[in-house]
Amino acid sequence: MSNAQITTYARQLASIMQEVSEANERAKDILASAKDAGVNVKALRKAAREMCMDSDKRKKLYEDEDQLDIFRSALGLTGVLEAAE
C-alpha cells in the first residue's frame, strides 16, 4: 500500500469522524432544548433509537418488552404508582 493510499484513507476517515463529532454536538443541543422544555430525555432517546431500528429488530424489541411486562405483573412489579405506595 502506498503512502498516497494511506493518506487518502486517513483524510476520508478524518472527514467522517468530524461529521460524527458535529452530529453529536447537534444531538446534545437538541437534547438540552428538549430537557429545558420539560421532556423526559431518557424516553426521547429511546424513542429516537427505536425510530432508527429496522422493523424486524423493533418487532423483536417490542415482543421482549411485552414478555417483560408479563414477568413484572407476575412479580407484582406492575407500575410506578404501586411502587410508590
Protein backbone atom coordinates (compact mmCIF):
# COMPACT_ATOMS: atom_id res chain seq x y z
CA MET A 1 0.00 0.00 0.00
CA SER A 2 1.36 3.38 -0.94
CA ASN A 3 1.66 6.45 1.23
CA ALA A 4 -0.82 8.18 -1.08
CA GLN A 5 -3.43 5.49 -0.41
CA ILE A 6 -2.88 5.70 3.34
CA THR A 7 -3.18 9.48 3.19
CA THR A 8 -6.42 9.20 1.21
CA TYR A 9 -7.92 6.75 3.70
CA ALA A 10 -6.81 8.88 6.65
CA ARG A 11 -8.35 12.03 5.16
CA GLN A 12 -11.61 10.23 4.36
CA LEU A 13 -11.79 8.80 7.86
CA ALA A 14 -10.94 12.13 9.48
CA SER A 15 -13.72 13.77 7.48
CA ILE A 16 -16.26 11.20 8.64
CA MET A 17 -15.05 11.49 12.22
CA GLN A 18 -15.52 15.27 12.06
CA GLU A 19 -19.07 14.82 10.74
CA VAL A 20 -19.85 12.42 13.59
CA SER A 21 -18.47 14.90 16.12
CA GLU A 22 -20.59 17.70 14.66
CA ALA A 23 -23.69 15.48 14.63
CA ASN A 24 -23.07 14.57 18.29
CA GLU A 25 -22.90 18.26 19.18
CA ARG A 26 -26.19 18.92 17.36
CA ALA A 27 -27.76 15.97 19.20
CA LYS A 28 -26.60 17.40 22.55
CA ASP A 29 -28.16 20.75 21.63
CA ILE A 30 -31.47 19.08 20.75
CA LEU A 31 -31.46 17.10 24.00
CA ALA A 32 -30.70 20.23 26.01
CA SER A 33 -33.58 22.07 24.33
CA ALA A 34 -35.91 19.15 24.97
CA LYS A 35 -34.85 18.96 28.61
CA ASP A 36 -35.43 22.72 29.00
CA ALA A 37 -38.92 22.18 27.57
CA GLY A 38 -39.64 19.54 30.22
CA VAL A 39 -39.28 16.48 28.01
CA ASN A 40 -38.05 13.21 29.54
CA VAL A 41 -34.83 12.96 27.53
CA LYS A 42 -34.20 9.34 28.51
CA ALA A 43 -37.51 8.36 26.96
CA LEU A 44 -36.86 10.65 23.99
CA ARG A 45 -33.51 8.93 23.31
CA LYS A 46 -35.16 5.52 23.50
CA ALA A 47 -37.93 6.54 21.11
CA ALA A 48 -35.42 8.02 18.66
CA ARG A 49 -33.31 4.83 18.77
CA GLU A 50 -36.42 2.79 18.03
CA MET A 51 -37.19 5.03 15.06
CA CYS A 52 -33.77 4.15 13.62
CA MET A 53 -34.20 0.39 14.02
CA ASP A 54 -35.28 -1.80 11.16
CA SER A 55 -38.79 -3.17 11.56
CA ASP A 56 -37.72 -6.74 12.43
CA LYS A 57 -35.42 -5.59 15.20
CA ARG A 58 -38.08 -3.20 16.53
CA LYS A 59 -40.68 -6.00 16.46
CA LYS A 60 -38.35 -8.24 18.50
CA LEU A 61 -37.76 -5.43 20.99
CA TYR A 62 -41.50 -4.95 21.47
CA GLU A 63 -42.02 -8.69 21.91
CA ASP A 64 -39.30 -8.72 24.58
CA GLU A 65 -40.90 -5.75 26.35
CA ASP A 66 -44.30 -7.45 26.25
CA GLN A 67 -42.73 -10.50 27.89
CA LEU A 68 -41.05 -8.29 30.49
CA ASP A 69 -44.42 -6.72 31.31
CA ILE A 70 -45.85 -10.21 31.89
CA PHE A 71 -42.95 -11.01 34.23
CA ARG A 72 -43.37 -7.72 36.08
CA SER A 73 -47.05 -8.41 36.56
CA ALA A 74 -46.36 -11.91 37.87
CA LEU A 75 -43.85 -10.46 40.33
CA GLY A 76 -46.11 -7.65 41.49
CA LEU A 77 -43.98 -5.01 39.80
CA THR A 78 -46.83 -3.53 37.84
CA GLY A 79 -46.19 0.18 37.93
CA VAL A 80 -44.56 3.26 39.30
CA LEU A 81 -47.66 4.30 41.24
CA GLU A 82 -47.88 0.99 43.05
CA ALA A 83 -44.16 1.06 43.86
CA ALA A 84 -44.58 4.46 45.49
CA GLU A 85 -47.38 3.25 47.79
